[in-house]
Amino acid sequence: MEFTPLHHVALLIFDSPMDIGLVVLIALILFGGKKIPELMRGLGQGIREFKTGMREDLQTPTQTAQAQPPAAAPTATPATEEKK
């Protein structure tokens, strides 16, 4: 199964500049001019956190194996019994 790159899908949906303008106008009407920058900022932070999490997830197994020293074996002290 072959996947279509995202920019090709975007070209199918928005085949003219008027389509993009219409979507922007609808977003402006729905959310207002003051709310759109907040939404975009939140979207950017979410994407950034997702990418950071993915990088940490890929690095975690190898780093944790190297960072954690093996657990020390408990030292057994011989029990001494005093006989009278």
C-alpha atoms as a PDB file:
ATOM      1  CA  MET A   1       0.000   0.000   0.000  1.00  0.00           C
ATOM      2  CA  GLU A   2       1.499   3.307  -1.048  1.00  0.00           C
ATOM      3  CA  PHE A   3       0.804   6.491   0.867  1.00  0.00           C
ATOM      4  CA  THR A   4       0.315   9.842  -0.790  1.00  0.00           C
ATOM      5  CA  PRO A   5       2.517  12.646   0.570  1.00  0.00           C
ATOM      6  CA  LEU A   6       0.627  15.263   2.566  1.00  0.00           C
ATOM      7  CA  HIS A   7       1.368  18.116   0.173  1.00  0.00           C
ATOM      8  CA  HIS A   8      -0.293  16.163  -2.641  1.00  0.00           C
ATOM      9  CA  VAL A   9      -3.419  15.729  -0.523  1.00  0.00           C
ATOM     10  CA  ALA A  10      -3.415  19.457   0.255  1.00  0.00           C
ATOM     11  CA  LEU A  11      -3.253  20.210  -3.468  1.00  0.00           C
ATOM     12  CA  LEU A  12      -6.317  18.043  -4.027  1.00  0.00           C
ATOM     13  CA  ILE A  13      -8.285  19.807  -1.295  1.00  0.00           C
ATOM     14  CA  PHE A  14      -7.120  23.380  -1.972  1.00  0.00           C
ATOM     15  CA  ASP A  15      -6.797  23.535  -5.728  1.00  0.00           C
ATOM     16  CA  SER A  16      -7.103  27.315  -5.936  1.00  0.00           C
ATOM     17  CA  PRO A  17      -6.165  30.319  -3.775  1.00  0.00           C
ATOM     18  CA  MET A  18      -9.855  31.098  -3.373  1.00  0.00           C
ATOM     19  CA  ASP A  19     -10.342  27.801  -1.483  1.00  0.00           C
ATOM     20  CA  ILE A  20      -7.591  28.712   0.979  1.00  0.00           C
ATOM     21  CA  GLY A  21      -9.069  32.195   1.402  1.00  0.00           C
ATOM     22  CA  LEU A  22     -12.484  30.719   2.081  1.00  0.00           C
ATOM     23  CA  VAL A  23     -11.113  28.441   4.807  1.00  0.00           C
ATOM     24  CA  VAL A  24      -9.242  31.364   6.398  1.00  0.00           C
ATOM     25  CA  LEU A  25     -12.392  33.500   6.298  1.00  0.00           C
ATOM     26  CA  ILE A  26     -14.494  30.765   7.940  1.00  0.00           C
ATOM     27  CA  ALA A  27     -11.856  30.303  10.662  1.00  0.00           C
ATOM     28  CA  LEU A  28     -11.800  34.059  11.250  1.00  0.00           C
ATOM     29  CA  ILE A  29     -15.584  34.170  11.584  1.00  0.00           C
ATOM     30  CA  LEU A  30     -15.727  31.140  13.894  1.00  0.00           C
ATOM     31  CA  PHE A  31     -12.854  32.010  16.231  1.00  0.00           C
ATOM     32  CA  GLY A  32     -12.354  35.753  15.883  1.00  0.00           C
ATOM     33  CA  GLY A  33      -9.159  37.650  15.209  1.00  0.00           C
ATOM     34  CA  LYS A  34      -7.867  37.531  18.775  1.00  0.00           C
ATOM     35  CA  LYS A  35      -8.303  33.806  19.297  1.00  0.00           C
ATOM     36  CA  ILE A  36      -6.541  32.556  16.136  1.00  0.00           C
ATOM     37  CA  PRO A  37      -2.966  33.432  17.297  1.00  0.00           C
ATOM     38  CA  GLU A  38      -3.640  31.623  20.581  1.00  0.00           C
ATOM     39  CA  LEU A  39      -4.884  28.554  18.693  1.00  0.00           C
ATOM     40  CA  MET A  40      -1.840  28.544  16.399  1.00  0.00           C
ATOM     41  CA  ARG A  41       0.519  28.978  19.366  1.00  0.00           C
ATOM     42  CA  GLY A  42      -1.119  26.029  21.126  1.00  0.00           C
ATOM     43  CA  LEU A  43      -0.914  23.932  17.966  1.00  0.00           C
ATOM     44  CA  GLY A  44       2.783  24.747  17.591  1.00  0.00           C
ATOM     45  CA  GLN A  45       3.509  23.845  21.214  1.00  0.00           C
ATOM     46  CA  GLY A  46       1.625  20.577  20.827  1.00  0.00           C
ATOM     47  CA  ILE A  47       3.598  19.619  17.737  1.00  0.00           C
ATOM     48  CA  ARG A  48       6.868  20.579  19.452  1.00  0.00           C
ATOM     49  CA  GLU A  49       6.022  18.465  22.524  1.00  0.00           C
ATOM     50  CA  PHE A  50       5.048  15.532  20.312  1.00  0.00           C
ATOM     51  CA  LYS A  51       8.367  15.673  18.442  1.00  0.00           C
ATOM     52  CA  THR A  52      10.292  15.939  21.721  1.00  0.00           C
ATOM     53  CA  GLY A  53       8.408  12.968  23.116  1.00  0.00           C
ATOM     54  CA  MET A  54       9.129  10.926  20.018  1.00  0.00           C
ATOM     55  CA  ARG A  55      12.856  11.742  20.242  1.00  0.00           C
ATOM     56  CA  GLU A  56      12.927  10.877  23.954  1.00  0.00           C
ATOM     57  CA  ASP A  57      11.062   7.646  23.292  1.00  0.00           C
ATOM     58  CA  LEU A  58      13.636   6.598  20.704  1.00  0.00           C
ATOM     59  CA  GLN A  59      16.566   7.514  22.975  1.00  0.00           C
ATOM     60  CA  THR A  60      15.187   6.207  26.263  1.00  0.00           C
ATOM     61  CA  PRO A  61      15.812   2.435  25.954  1.00  0.00           C
ATOM     62  CA  THR A  62      19.520   2.779  25.143  1.00  0.00           C
ATOM     63  CA  GLN A  63      20.222   5.590  27.591  1.00  0.00           C
ATOM     64  CA  THR A  64      18.441   4.009  30.535  1.00  0.00           C
ATOM     65  CA  ALA A  65      20.320   0.773  30.025  1.00  0.00           C
ATOM     66  CA  GLN A  66      23.631   2.651  30.112  1.00  0.00           C
ATOM     67  CA  ALA A  67      22.702   5.152  32.828  1.00  0.00           C
ATOM     68  CA  GLN A  68      21.506   2.694  35.459  1.00  0.00           C
ATOM     69  CA  PRO A  69      24.288   0.684  37.076  1.00  0.00           C
ATOM     70  CA  PRO A  70      23.490  -2.916  37.928  1.00  0.00           C
ATOM     71  CA  ALA A  71      21.883  -3.364  41.300  1.00  0.00           C
ATOM     72  CA  ALA A  72      24.336  -4.270  44.032  1.00  0.00           C
ATOM     73  CA  ALA A  73      23.928  -7.761  45.426  1.00  0.00           C
ATOM     74  CA  PRO A  74      22.899  -7.735  49.055  1.00  0.00           C
ATOM     75  CA  THR A  75      25.762  -8.626  51.313  1.00  0.00           C
ATOM     76  CA  ALA A  76      24.954 -11.503  53.548  1.00  0.00           C
ATOM     77  CA  THR A  77      26.363 -11.383  57.027  1.00  0.00           C
ATOM     78  CA  PRO A  78      26.771 -14.730  58.678  1.00  0.00           C
ATOM     79  CA  ALA A  79      24.566 -15.222  61.628  1.00  0.00           C
ATOM     80  CA  THR A  80      26.562 -15.825  64.768  1.00  0.00           C
ATOM     81  CA  GLU A  81      25.049 -17.785  67.541  1.00  0.00           C
ATOM     82  CA  GLU A  82      26.534 -17.702  70.949  1.00  0.00           C
ATOM     83  CA  LYS A  83      26.474 -21.034  72.652  1.00  0.00           C
ATOM     84  CA  LYS A  84      26.644 -21.142  76.397  1.00  0.00           C
END
